[in-house]
Amino acid sequence: MFDCIILDFVLPDANGLDLINRVNLLKQQQTTMILHSARDFTQDELIQLKRLNHKIITKTPDSHVHLLEEILVLMHINKKYISESKLKMIDNIRVTTDALDSKKVLVVDDDVRNLFALTAVLNGRTLK
């Protein structure tokens, strides 16, 4: 049996949701399924996938790093067994610059509670 299954939702000759449902019936309950796909899911598909408790990782240029990190966490793999280069990839993805660095943000809302909450969150980001 498998501990983790990684599937792409876009298949040339099959419906991704049908395949996932078939695999879900055959796999062990503790087997984790990760969907690694560039496809935008419909609302109905997302509801169905969340009901099945599958992890979704969207394919991007850096998604292989997210996929590796997710596998390490899900499989409870000790990082001391991972090569230094792969650990650096994972650490580099976490150390990204904030998109709001050196930007001014105007917060407008008709509810003072929302203004307070958003201002607190944005101010908290600059204190890091």
N, C-alpha and C. Protein backbone atom coordinates (compact mmCIF):
# COMPACT_ATOMS: atom_id res chain seq x y z
N MET A 1 0.84 -1.19 0.00
CA MET A 1 0.00 0.00 0.00
C MET A 1 0.87 1.25 0.00
N PHE A 2 0.28 2.36 -0.39
CA PHE A 2 0.99 3.61 -0.51
C PHE A 2 0.66 4.53 0.67
N ASP A 3 1.64 5.32 1.09
CA ASP A 3 1.43 6.29 2.15
C ASP A 3 0.96 7.63 1.61
N CYS A 4 1.32 7.93 0.37
CA CYS A 4 0.96 9.21 -0.24
C CYS A 4 0.79 9.01 -1.74
N ILE A 5 -0.24 9.64 -2.30
CA ILE A 5 -0.49 9.59 -3.74
C ILE A 5 -0.53 11.03 -4.23
N ILE A 6 0.23 11.31 -5.30
CA ILE A 6 0.24 12.64 -5.90
C ILE A 6 -0.35 12.50 -7.30
N LEU A 7 -1.41 13.24 -7.56
CA LEU A 7 -2.11 13.16 -8.84
C LEU A 7 -2.23 14.54 -9.47
N ASP A 8 -2.19 14.55 -10.80
CA ASP A 8 -2.53 15.75 -11.54
C ASP A 8 -3.99 15.62 -11.93
N PHE A 9 -4.73 16.68 -11.81
CA PHE A 9 -6.16 16.65 -12.11
C PHE A 9 -6.42 16.64 -13.61
N VAL A 10 -5.51 17.22 -14.39
CA VAL A 10 -5.68 17.31 -15.84
C VAL A 10 -5.05 16.08 -16.48
N LEU A 11 -5.89 15.25 -17.09
CA LEU A 11 -5.43 14.03 -17.73
C LEU A 11 -5.89 14.02 -19.19
N PRO A 12 -5.06 13.50 -20.09
CA PRO A 12 -5.42 13.56 -21.51
C PRO A 12 -6.60 12.67 -21.89
N ASP A 13 -6.79 11.56 -21.19
CA ASP A 13 -7.81 10.61 -21.61
C ASP A 13 -8.78 10.21 -20.51
N ALA A 14 -8.85 11.00 -19.43
CA ALA A 14 -9.76 10.65 -18.33
C ALA A 14 -10.20 11.91 -17.62
N ASN A 15 -11.32 11.80 -16.95
CA ASN A 15 -11.83 12.88 -16.12
C ASN A 15 -11.12 12.82 -14.78
N GLY A 16 -10.50 13.93 -14.38
CA GLY A 16 -9.73 13.95 -13.13
C GLY A 16 -10.55 13.59 -11.91
N LEU A 17 -11.77 14.10 -11.84
CA LEU A 17 -12.62 13.83 -10.68
C LEU A 17 -13.03 12.36 -10.63
N ASP A 18 -13.29 11.76 -11.80
CA ASP A 18 -13.63 10.33 -11.83
C ASP A 18 -12.45 9.49 -11.33
N LEU A 19 -11.24 9.82 -11.80
CA LEU A 19 -10.06 9.08 -11.36
C LEU A 19 -9.84 9.22 -9.86
N ILE A 20 -9.98 10.42 -9.35
CA ILE A 20 -9.79 10.66 -7.92
C ILE A 20 -10.81 9.85 -7.10
N ASN A 21 -12.05 9.84 -7.55
CA ASN A 21 -13.07 9.06 -6.85
C ASN A 21 -12.76 7.57 -6.88
N ARG A 22 -12.26 7.05 -8.02
CA ARG A 22 -11.91 5.63 -8.10
C ARG A 22 -10.72 5.30 -7.19
N VAL A 23 -9.70 6.17 -7.23
CA VAL A 23 -8.52 5.95 -6.37
C VAL A 23 -8.93 6.04 -4.91
N ASN A 24 -9.81 6.97 -4.60
CA ASN A 24 -10.27 7.15 -3.22
C ASN A 24 -10.96 5.89 -2.69
N LEU A 25 -11.69 5.19 -3.55
CA LEU A 25 -12.36 3.95 -3.14
C LEU A 25 -11.36 2.82 -2.89
N LEU A 26 -10.25 2.83 -3.62
CA LEU A 26 -9.27 1.75 -3.54
C LEU A 26 -8.18 1.98 -2.50
N LYS A 27 -7.90 3.21 -2.17
CA LYS A 27 -6.78 3.50 -1.27
C LYS A 27 -7.18 3.26 0.19
N GLN A 28 -6.17 3.09 1.00
CA GLN A 28 -6.39 2.96 2.44
C GLN A 28 -6.81 4.31 3.00
N GLN A 29 -7.54 4.31 4.10
CA GLN A 29 -8.04 5.55 4.67
C GLN A 29 -6.91 6.49 5.07
N GLN A 30 -5.80 5.96 5.58
CA GLN A 30 -4.71 6.80 6.05
C GLN A 30 -3.80 7.30 4.92
N THR A 31 -4.02 6.82 3.70
CA THR A 31 -3.22 7.27 2.57
C THR A 31 -3.63 8.69 2.19
N THR A 32 -2.65 9.57 2.16
CA THR A 32 -2.88 10.97 1.81
C THR A 32 -2.84 11.14 0.30
N MET A 33 -3.76 11.96 -0.22
CA MET A 33 -3.75 12.26 -1.64
C MET A 33 -3.51 13.75 -1.83
N ILE A 34 -2.52 14.08 -2.66
CA ILE A 34 -2.19 15.46 -2.98
C ILE A 34 -2.49 15.68 -4.46
N LEU A 35 -3.26 16.70 -4.75
CA LEU A 35 -3.54 17.07 -6.14
C LEU A 35 -2.58 18.19 -6.52
N HIS A 36 -1.76 17.93 -7.52
CA HIS A 36 -0.77 18.90 -7.99
C HIS A 36 -1.14 19.23 -9.42
N SER A 37 -1.81 20.34 -9.61
CA SER A 37 -2.38 20.65 -10.91
C SER A 37 -2.37 22.13 -11.20
N ALA A 38 -2.31 22.47 -12.46
CA ALA A 38 -2.36 23.87 -12.88
C ALA A 38 -3.79 24.32 -13.17
N ARG A 39 -4.72 23.44 -13.02
CA ARG A 39 -6.12 23.70 -13.37
C ARG A 39 -6.80 24.55 -12.30
N ASP A 40 -7.66 25.46 -12.76
CA ASP A 40 -8.52 26.20 -11.84
C ASP A 40 -9.76 25.34 -11.59
N PHE A 41 -10.03 25.06 -10.34
CA PHE A 41 -11.15 24.20 -9.99
C PHE A 41 -12.44 25.00 -9.90
N THR A 42 -13.54 24.37 -10.29
CA THR A 42 -14.85 25.00 -10.12
C THR A 42 -15.23 24.92 -8.65
N GLN A 43 -16.23 25.69 -8.28
CA GLN A 43 -16.68 25.69 -6.88
C GLN A 43 -17.17 24.29 -6.48
N ASP A 44 -17.90 23.63 -7.36
CA ASP A 44 -18.41 22.28 -7.07
C ASP A 44 -17.26 21.29 -6.88
N GLU A 45 -16.23 21.40 -7.74
CA GLU A 45 -15.08 20.50 -7.61
C GLU A 45 -14.34 20.74 -6.30
N LEU A 46 -14.16 22.01 -5.93
CA LEU A 46 -13.49 22.32 -4.67
C LEU A 46 -14.25 21.76 -3.48
N ILE A 47 -15.57 21.87 -3.51
CA ILE A 47 -16.40 21.34 -2.41
C ILE A 47 -16.22 19.83 -2.32
N GLN A 48 -16.26 19.16 -3.47
CA GLN A 48 -16.10 17.72 -3.48
C GLN A 48 -14.71 17.30 -2.99
N LEU A 49 -13.68 18.01 -3.44
CA LEU A 49 -12.32 17.66 -3.04
C LEU A 49 -12.08 17.93 -1.57
N LYS A 50 -12.65 19.01 -1.05
CA LYS A 50 -12.49 19.30 0.38
C LYS A 50 -13.23 18.26 1.22
N ARG A 51 -14.35 17.78 0.71
CA ARG A 51 -15.10 16.74 1.42
C ARG A 51 -14.26 15.46 1.52
N LEU A 52 -13.48 15.19 0.47
CA LEU A 52 -12.60 14.02 0.47
C LEU A 52 -11.32 14.26 1.25
N ASN A 53 -11.12 15.51 1.69
CA ASN A 53 -9.97 15.90 2.51
C ASN A 53 -8.65 15.75 1.77
N HIS A 54 -8.62 16.15 0.50
CA HIS A 54 -7.40 16.11 -0.28
C HIS A 54 -6.71 17.46 -0.25
N LYS A 55 -5.40 17.42 -0.27
CA LYS A 55 -4.59 18.62 -0.31
C LYS A 55 -4.42 19.04 -1.76
N ILE A 56 -4.57 20.34 -2.05
CA ILE A 56 -4.42 20.85 -3.41
C ILE A 56 -3.24 21.81 -3.45
N ILE A 57 -2.30 21.53 -4.35
CA ILE A 57 -1.16 22.42 -4.56
C ILE A 57 -1.20 22.83 -6.03
N THR A 58 -1.35 24.12 -6.27
CA THR A 58 -1.42 24.63 -7.63
C THR A 58 -0.01 24.66 -8.23
N LYS A 59 0.11 24.19 -9.47
CA LYS A 59 1.40 24.19 -10.15
C LYS A 59 1.81 25.63 -10.47
N THR A 60 2.98 25.98 -9.98
CA THR A 60 3.61 27.26 -10.25
C THR A 60 5.11 26.98 -10.45
N PRO A 61 5.89 27.99 -10.81
CA PRO A 61 7.34 27.74 -10.93
C PRO A 61 7.97 27.21 -9.64
N ASP A 62 7.43 27.59 -8.48
CA ASP A 62 8.00 27.14 -7.21
C ASP A 62 7.18 26.04 -6.54
N SER A 63 6.19 25.50 -7.21
CA SER A 63 5.30 24.54 -6.55
C SER A 63 6.01 23.25 -6.17
N HIS A 64 7.09 22.90 -6.86
CA HIS A 64 7.80 21.68 -6.49
C HIS A 64 8.36 21.78 -5.07
N VAL A 65 8.70 22.98 -4.65
CA VAL A 65 9.21 23.18 -3.29
C VAL A 65 8.07 23.01 -2.29
N HIS A 66 6.90 23.58 -2.60
CA HIS A 66 5.73 23.41 -1.72
C HIS A 66 5.33 21.93 -1.65
N LEU A 67 5.42 21.26 -2.78
CA LEU A 67 5.09 19.84 -2.82
C LEU A 67 6.05 19.04 -1.95
N LEU A 68 7.33 19.32 -2.05
CA LEU A 68 8.32 18.64 -1.23
C LEU A 68 8.06 18.88 0.25
N GLU A 69 7.80 20.13 0.60
CA GLU A 69 7.54 20.46 2.01
C GLU A 69 6.29 19.75 2.52
N GLU A 70 5.25 19.71 1.72
CA GLU A 70 4.01 19.05 2.11
C GLU A 70 4.23 17.55 2.31
N ILE A 71 5.01 16.96 1.44
CA ILE A 71 5.30 15.53 1.57
C ILE A 71 6.08 15.26 2.86
N LEU A 72 7.07 16.11 3.16
CA LEU A 72 7.84 15.93 4.39
C LEU A 72 6.94 15.98 5.62
N VAL A 73 6.02 16.93 5.61
CA VAL A 73 5.12 17.08 6.76
C VAL A 73 4.15 15.90 6.84
N LEU A 74 3.51 15.57 5.73
CA LEU A 74 2.51 14.50 5.73
C LEU A 74 3.11 13.14 6.03
N MET A 75 4.32 12.91 5.56
CA MET A 75 4.95 11.61 5.74
C MET A 75 5.76 11.53 7.03
N HIS A 76 5.79 12.63 7.78
CA HIS A 76 6.54 12.68 9.04
C HIS A 76 8.00 12.29 8.83
N ILE A 77 8.58 12.84 7.77
CA ILE A 77 9.98 12.55 7.44
C ILE A 77 10.88 13.52 8.19
N ASN A 78 11.84 12.98 8.89
CA ASN A 78 12.79 13.79 9.63
C ASN A 78 13.68 14.53 8.64
N LYS A 79 13.82 15.82 8.82
CA LYS A 79 14.58 16.64 7.88
C LYS A 79 16.07 16.31 7.88
N LYS A 80 16.55 15.59 8.86
CA LYS A 80 17.97 15.25 8.85
C LYS A 80 18.30 14.25 7.74
N TYR A 81 17.27 13.62 7.16
CA TYR A 81 17.48 12.69 6.06
C TYR A 81 17.34 13.35 4.68
N ILE A 82 17.11 14.64 4.68
CA ILE A 82 16.92 15.38 3.43
C ILE A 82 18.21 16.09 3.07
N SER A 83 18.54 16.12 1.80
CA SER A 83 19.78 16.75 1.36
C SER A 83 19.76 18.24 1.67
N GLU A 84 20.95 18.79 1.82
CA GLU A 84 21.10 20.21 2.15
C GLU A 84 20.49 21.10 1.07
N SER A 85 20.64 20.71 -0.19
CA SER A 85 20.10 21.54 -1.28
C SER A 85 18.58 21.60 -1.23
N LYS A 86 17.93 20.49 -0.90
CA LYS A 86 16.46 20.48 -0.81
C LYS A 86 15.99 21.29 0.41
N LEU A 87 16.72 21.21 1.50
CA LEU A 87 16.36 22.01 2.68
C LEU A 87 16.50 23.50 2.38
N LYS A 88 17.53 23.88 1.61
CA LYS A 88 17.70 25.29 1.25
C LYS A 88 16.55 25.76 0.37
N MET A 89 16.09 24.90 -0.54
CA MET A 89 14.94 25.26 -1.38
C MET A 89 13.73 25.56 -0.52
N ILE A 90 13.49 24.71 0.46
CA ILE A 90 12.33 24.91 1.34
C ILE A 90 12.48 26.18 2.15
N ASP A 91 13.65 26.41 2.70
CA ASP A 91 13.87 27.62 3.50
C ASP A 91 13.77 28.88 2.66
N ASN A 92 14.25 28.84 1.42
CA ASN A 92 14.19 30.01 0.54
C ASN A 92 12.76 30.40 0.20
N ILE A 93 11.88 29.44 0.09
CA ILE A 93 10.50 29.76 -0.26
C ILE A 93 9.82 30.48 0.91
N ARG A 94 10.25 30.21 2.11
CA ARG A 94 9.66 30.86 3.29
C ARG A 94 10.18 32.28 3.46
N VAL A 95 11.39 32.55 3.00
CA VAL A 95 12.00 33.85 3.16
C VAL A 95 11.74 34.68 1.91
N THR A 96 10.51 35.06 1.73
CA THR A 96 10.16 35.88 0.59
C THR A 96 9.89 37.29 1.07
N THR A 97 10.12 38.24 0.20
CA THR A 97 9.85 39.62 0.58
C THR A 97 8.35 39.85 0.56
N ASP A 98 7.91 40.70 1.42
CA ASP A 98 6.50 41.00 1.53
C ASP A 98 6.10 41.93 0.39
N ALA A 99 4.98 41.64 -0.23
CA ALA A 99 4.51 42.46 -1.35
C ALA A 99 4.16 43.87 -0.91
N LEU A 100 3.91 44.07 0.37
CA LEU A 100 3.54 45.40 0.86
C LEU A 100 4.70 46.18 1.44
N ASP A 101 5.92 45.61 1.39
CA ASP A 101 7.08 46.34 1.88
C ASP A 101 7.22 47.65 1.12
N SER A 102 7.46 48.72 1.86
CA SER A 102 7.65 50.08 1.34
C SER A 102 6.45 50.59 0.55
N LYS A 103 5.27 50.08 0.86
CA LYS A 103 4.05 50.54 0.20
C LYS A 103 3.17 51.27 1.21
N LYS A 104 2.38 52.19 0.71
CA LYS A 104 1.39 52.86 1.53
C LYS A 104 0.04 52.23 1.22
N VAL A 105 -0.74 51.96 2.26
CA VAL A 105 -2.03 51.31 2.08
C VAL A 105 -3.12 52.22 2.63
N LEU A 106 -4.13 52.45 1.81
CA LEU A 106 -5.29 53.22 2.23
C LEU A 106 -6.40 52.23 2.55
N VAL A 107 -6.87 52.26 3.78
CA VAL A 107 -7.94 51.36 4.22
C VAL A 107 -9.21 52.18 4.36
N VAL A 108 -10.24 51.81 3.62
CA VAL A 108 -11.52 52.53 3.64
C VAL A 108 -12.62 51.52 3.89
N ASP A 109 -13.43 51.78 4.89
CA ASP A 109 -14.57 50.91 5.19
C ASP A 109 -15.57 51.71 5.99
N ASP A 110 -16.84 51.34 5.89
CA ASP A 110 -17.87 52.08 6.61
C ASP A 110 -18.09 51.55 8.03
N ASP A 111 -17.38 50.49 8.38
CA ASP A 111 -17.51 49.90 9.71
C ASP A 111 -16.19 50.09 10.46
N VAL A 112 -16.22 50.80 11.56
CA VAL A 112 -15.00 51.11 12.31
C VAL A 112 -14.32 49.84 12.83
N ARG A 113 -15.08 48.78 13.06
CA ARG A 113 -14.48 47.52 13.54
C ARG A 113 -13.57 46.93 12.47
N ASN A 114 -14.02 46.99 11.20
CA ASN A 114 -13.19 46.49 10.10
C ASN A 114 -11.93 47.34 9.94
N LEU A 115 -12.09 48.65 10.06
CA LEU A 115 -10.92 49.54 9.98
C LEU A 115 -9.90 49.21 11.06
N PHE A 116 -10.40 49.01 12.27
CA PHE A 116 -9.52 48.69 13.39
C PHE A 116 -8.80 47.36 13.15
N ALA A 117 -9.55 46.34 12.72
CA ALA A 117 -8.96 45.02 12.50
C ALA A 117 -7.93 45.04 11.38
N LEU A 118 -8.28 45.66 10.26
CA LEU A 118 -7.34 45.71 9.14
C LEU A 118 -6.10 46.53 9.48
N THR A 119 -6.27 47.64 10.17
CA THR A 119 -5.14 48.47 10.56
C THR A 119 -4.23 47.71 11.52
N ALA A 120 -4.81 46.97 12.45
CA ALA A 120 -4.02 46.18 13.39
C ALA A 120 -3.21 45.10 12.67
N VAL A 121 -3.83 44.44 11.70
CA VAL A 121 -3.13 43.39 10.95
C VAL A 121 -1.99 43.99 10.13
N LEU A 122 -2.28 45.08 9.45
CA LEU A 122 -1.26 45.71 8.60
C LEU A 122 -0.13 46.29 9.44
N ASN A 123 -0.43 46.88 10.57
CA ASN A 123 0.62 47.40 11.45
C ASN A 123 1.45 46.25 12.03
N GLY A 124 0.81 45.14 12.33
CA GLY A 124 1.53 43.98 12.86
C GLY A 124 2.54 43.43 11.88
N ARG A 125 2.27 43.58 10.59
CA ARG A 125 3.17 43.08 9.56
C ARG A 125 4.45 43.88 9.54
N THR A 126 4.37 45.17 9.83
CA THR A 126 5.57 46.01 9.75
C THR A 126 6.45 45.85 10.98
N LEU A 127 5.93 45.25 12.05
CA LEU A 127 6.71 45.10 13.27
C LEU A 127 7.62 43.87 13.25
N LYS A 128 7.51 43.07 12.20
CA LYS A 128 8.32 41.85 12.14
C LYS A 128 9.77 42.15 12.02
